[in-house]
N, C-alpha and C. Protein backbone atom coordinates (compact mmCIF):
# COMPACT_ATOMS: atom_id res chain seq x y z
N MET A 1 -20.02 27.25 63.99
CA MET A 1 -18.75 27.81 63.70
C MET A 1 -17.55 27.57 63.38
N ALA A 2 -17.24 25.97 64.45
CA ALA A 2 -15.98 25.68 63.95
C ALA A 2 -15.53 25.32 62.89
N LYS A 3 -16.90 25.43 62.07
CA LYS A 3 -16.95 24.79 60.45
C LYS A 3 -16.44 25.84 59.67
N GLU A 4 -16.67 26.78 59.59
CA GLU A 4 -16.77 28.47 59.82
C GLU A 4 -15.11 28.74 59.72
N LYS A 5 -14.69 28.33 60.26
CA LYS A 5 -13.04 28.57 60.84
C LYS A 5 -12.26 28.10 59.50
N LYS A 6 -12.65 26.96 59.51
CA LYS A 6 -11.82 25.34 58.56
C LYS A 6 -12.41 26.19 57.34
N ASN A 7 -13.26 26.46 57.11
CA ASN A 7 -13.78 26.69 55.37
C ASN A 7 -12.91 28.04 55.04
N SER A 8 -12.46 28.90 56.33
CA SER A 8 -12.11 30.07 55.25
C SER A 8 -10.82 30.10 55.61
N LYS A 9 -10.00 29.09 56.57
CA LYS A 9 -8.36 28.51 56.44
C LYS A 9 -8.36 27.88 54.92
N LYS A 10 -9.37 26.94 54.66
CA LYS A 10 -9.39 26.41 53.44
C LYS A 10 -9.42 27.29 52.13
N ALA A 11 -10.31 28.26 52.08
CA ALA A 11 -10.54 28.97 50.87
C ALA A 11 -9.79 29.97 50.85
N LYS A 12 -8.55 30.00 52.06
CA LYS A 12 -7.10 31.34 51.86
C LYS A 12 -6.59 30.42 50.98
N GLU A 13 -6.56 29.18 51.88
CA GLU A 13 -5.21 28.24 50.68
C GLU A 13 -5.52 28.00 49.34
N VAL A 14 -6.74 28.04 49.13
CA VAL A 14 -6.97 27.66 47.87
C VAL A 14 -6.79 28.77 46.91
N SER A 15 -7.19 30.43 47.33
CA SER A 15 -7.57 31.45 46.69
C SER A 15 -5.66 31.60 46.60
N VAL A 16 -4.60 31.40 47.66
CA VAL A 16 -3.44 31.75 47.35
C VAL A 16 -2.82 30.75 46.47
N LYS A 17 -3.34 29.23 46.15
CA LYS A 17 -3.00 28.28 45.28
C LYS A 17 -3.21 29.00 43.71
N THR A 18 -4.44 29.30 43.69
CA THR A 18 -4.88 29.83 42.39
C THR A 18 -3.87 31.21 41.64
N TRP A 19 -3.58 31.77 42.50
CA TRP A 19 -2.87 32.64 42.02
C TRP A 19 -1.88 33.03 42.24
N ALA A 20 -1.15 31.51 42.61
CA ALA A 20 -0.41 31.52 42.42
C ALA A 20 0.13 30.56 41.27
N THR A 21 -0.47 29.54 40.76
CA THR A 21 -0.89 29.13 39.45
C THR A 21 -1.21 30.10 38.05
N GLU A 22 -1.91 31.12 38.27
CA GLU A 22 -1.94 31.97 37.47
C GLU A 22 -0.64 32.96 36.83
N LEU A 23 -0.06 32.96 38.47
CA LEU A 23 1.51 33.84 38.08
C LEU A 23 2.17 33.27 37.35
N LEU A 24 2.53 32.28 37.75
CA LEU A 24 3.40 30.81 36.98
C LEU A 24 3.44 30.98 35.67
N GLY A 25 1.85 30.76 35.21
CA GLY A 25 1.16 30.36 33.86
C GLY A 25 1.99 31.46 33.35
N GLY A 26 1.54 32.30 33.42
CA GLY A 26 1.76 33.71 33.23
C GLY A 26 3.07 34.06 32.78
N ALA A 27 3.82 34.25 33.45
CA ALA A 27 5.45 34.27 33.75
C ALA A 27 6.02 33.55 32.57
N PHE A 28 5.81 31.65 32.77
CA PHE A 28 6.67 31.18 31.74
C PHE A 28 5.89 30.63 30.58
N SER A 29 5.03 31.39 29.51
CA SER A 29 3.37 31.26 28.53
C SER A 29 4.55 31.27 27.25
N ASP A 30 5.70 31.31 27.54
CA ASP A 30 6.80 31.23 26.47
C ASP A 30 6.84 29.37 25.89
N ILE A 31 7.32 28.87 27.14
CA ILE A 31 7.46 27.37 27.48
C ILE A 31 6.49 26.39 27.09
N LYS A 32 5.53 27.23 27.17
CA LYS A 32 3.81 26.15 27.58
C LYS A 32 3.65 26.33 26.00
N VAL A 33 3.98 26.77 24.77
CA VAL A 33 3.99 26.04 23.10
C VAL A 33 5.22 25.02 22.87
N SER A 34 6.17 24.94 23.53
CA SER A 34 7.17 24.13 23.57
C SER A 34 6.90 22.89 23.93
N ILE A 35 6.75 22.85 25.19
CA ILE A 35 6.67 21.32 25.72
C ILE A 35 4.64 20.91 25.85
N GLY A 36 3.55 22.09 25.61
CA GLY A 36 2.56 21.24 25.18
C GLY A 36 1.55 21.75 26.63
N LYS A 37 0.23 22.27 26.39
CA LYS A 37 0.00 22.42 27.30
C LYS A 37 -1.06 21.97 28.49
N LYS A 38 -1.63 20.49 28.20
CA LYS A 38 -0.69 19.48 29.00
C LYS A 38 -0.11 19.48 30.51
N LYS A 39 0.98 19.14 29.55
CA LYS A 39 2.38 19.59 30.82
C LYS A 39 2.65 19.92 31.25
N PHE A 40 2.84 21.35 30.79
CA PHE A 40 2.86 22.58 30.73
C PHE A 40 2.17 23.06 32.30
N ASN A 41 0.21 23.03 32.13
CA ASN A 41 -0.42 23.37 33.52
C ASN A 41 -0.18 21.80 34.21
N LYS A 42 0.36 20.72 34.39
CA LYS A 42 0.46 19.90 35.56
C LYS A 42 1.70 20.84 36.01
N ARG A 43 2.72 21.02 35.08
CA ARG A 43 4.48 21.49 36.19
C ARG A 43 3.42 22.61 36.74
N VAL A 44 3.11 23.43 36.39
CA VAL A 44 2.46 25.10 37.03
C VAL A 44 2.39 24.12 38.18
N LYS A 45 1.13 23.24 38.08
CA LYS A 45 0.13 23.08 39.10
C LYS A 45 0.91 22.73 40.24
N LYS A 46 2.24 22.02 40.05
CA LYS A 46 2.87 20.86 40.93
C LYS A 46 3.85 21.73 42.10
N ALA A 47 4.31 23.26 40.82
CA ALA A 47 5.19 24.18 41.42
C ALA A 47 4.15 25.12 42.41
N SER A 48 3.19 25.23 41.85
CA SER A 48 1.90 25.94 42.90
C SER A 48 1.74 25.68 43.85
N LYS A 49 2.13 24.17 43.95
CA LYS A 49 1.58 23.28 45.35
C LYS A 49 2.95 23.70 45.94
N ILE A 50 4.05 23.33 45.45
CA ILE A 50 5.55 23.57 46.58
C ILE A 50 5.35 24.72 47.30
N LEU A 51 5.10 25.39 45.88
CA LEU A 51 5.39 27.22 46.99
C LEU A 51 4.23 27.21 47.83
N THR A 52 3.18 27.05 47.54
CA THR A 52 1.75 27.52 48.84
C THR A 52 2.01 26.92 49.82
N ALA A 53 3.11 25.97 50.18
CA ALA A 53 2.77 24.56 50.97
C ALA A 53 3.28 25.26 52.62
N GLY A 54 3.67 27.05 52.53
CA GLY A 54 4.13 27.36 53.76
C GLY A 54 2.34 28.00 54.09
N VAL A 55 1.23 28.13 53.55
CA VAL A 55 0.46 28.73 53.88
C VAL A 55 -0.46 28.46 55.00
N LYS A 56 -0.69 27.11 54.73
CA LYS A 56 -0.92 26.10 56.00
C LYS A 56 -0.36 26.49 56.75
N LYS A 57 0.91 26.15 57.28
CA LYS A 57 1.61 25.66 58.34
C LYS A 57 1.93 27.76 58.97
N SER A 58 1.66 27.94 58.11
CA SER A 58 1.63 29.93 58.52
C SER A 58 0.66 30.19 59.83
N ALA A 59 -0.50 29.40 59.16
CA ALA A 59 -1.61 29.49 59.34
C ALA A 59 -1.82 29.52 61.09
N ILE A 60 -1.10 28.46 61.34
CA ILE A 60 -0.82 27.82 63.17
C ILE A 60 -0.22 29.24 64.00
N LYS A 61 -0.37 29.51 64.62
CA LYS A 61 0.85 30.04 65.28
C LYS A 61 1.94 29.79 66.38
N PRO A 62 3.15 30.21 65.72
CA PRO A 62 4.03 29.91 66.73
C PRO A 62 3.64 29.85 68.02
N LYS A 63 4.35 28.58 69.09
CA LYS A 63 4.53 29.18 70.31
C LYS A 63 5.47 29.89 71.08
N ALA A 64 5.18 30.59 72.22
CA ALA A 64 5.72 31.60 73.09
C ALA A 64 7.28 30.72 73.18
N VAL A 65 8.40 31.22 73.19
CA VAL A 65 9.47 30.54 73.91
C VAL A 65 9.67 31.46 75.74
N LYS A 66 9.51 30.48 76.04
CA LYS A 66 9.79 30.69 77.34
C LYS A 66 11.14 30.82 77.39
N VAL A 67 11.63 31.98 78.45
CA VAL A 67 12.89 32.33 78.84
C VAL A 67 13.34 31.77 80.03
N ALA A 68 13.96 31.61 80.25
CA ALA A 68 14.55 30.74 81.84
C ALA A 68 14.83 32.07 82.84
N LYS A 69 14.33 31.91 84.16
CA LYS A 69 15.20 32.82 84.84
C LYS A 69 16.73 32.82 85.14
N LYS A 70 16.64 33.70 85.76
CA LYS A 70 18.65 34.04 85.87
C LYS A 70 18.21 33.47 87.66
N GLU A 71 19.33 32.51 87.91
CA GLU A 71 19.51 32.51 89.13
C GLU A 71 19.65 33.07 90.07
N LYS A 72 19.25 33.69 91.50
CA LYS A 72 20.14 34.38 93.00
C LYS A 72 21.21 34.29 92.87
N GLU A 73 21.95 34.97 92.45
CA GLU A 73 23.40 35.09 93.22
C GLU A 73 23.31 34.98 94.27
N LYS A 74 24.18 34.07 95.51
CA LYS A 74 24.46 33.55 96.47
C LYS A 74 25.10 34.99 97.01
N VAL A 75 24.74 35.59 98.36
CA VAL A 75 26.30 36.58 98.86
C VAL A 75 26.81 35.88 99.68
């Protein structure tokens, strides 16, 4: 069961990365002609990796911050 959770996180990360790669590739297709297909694909892949780096971190739930209790006032 632990493997299933790990695989689903990895699958989510990969799917987001491929989505970002396709989106960037389509947005900057005019640059592809000027610098070449190989260089363009390499740069788009690097950019999508940087942009989707937060996906792995957001999968971890943030810890709740404890609020300090006010000291009781002495009368």
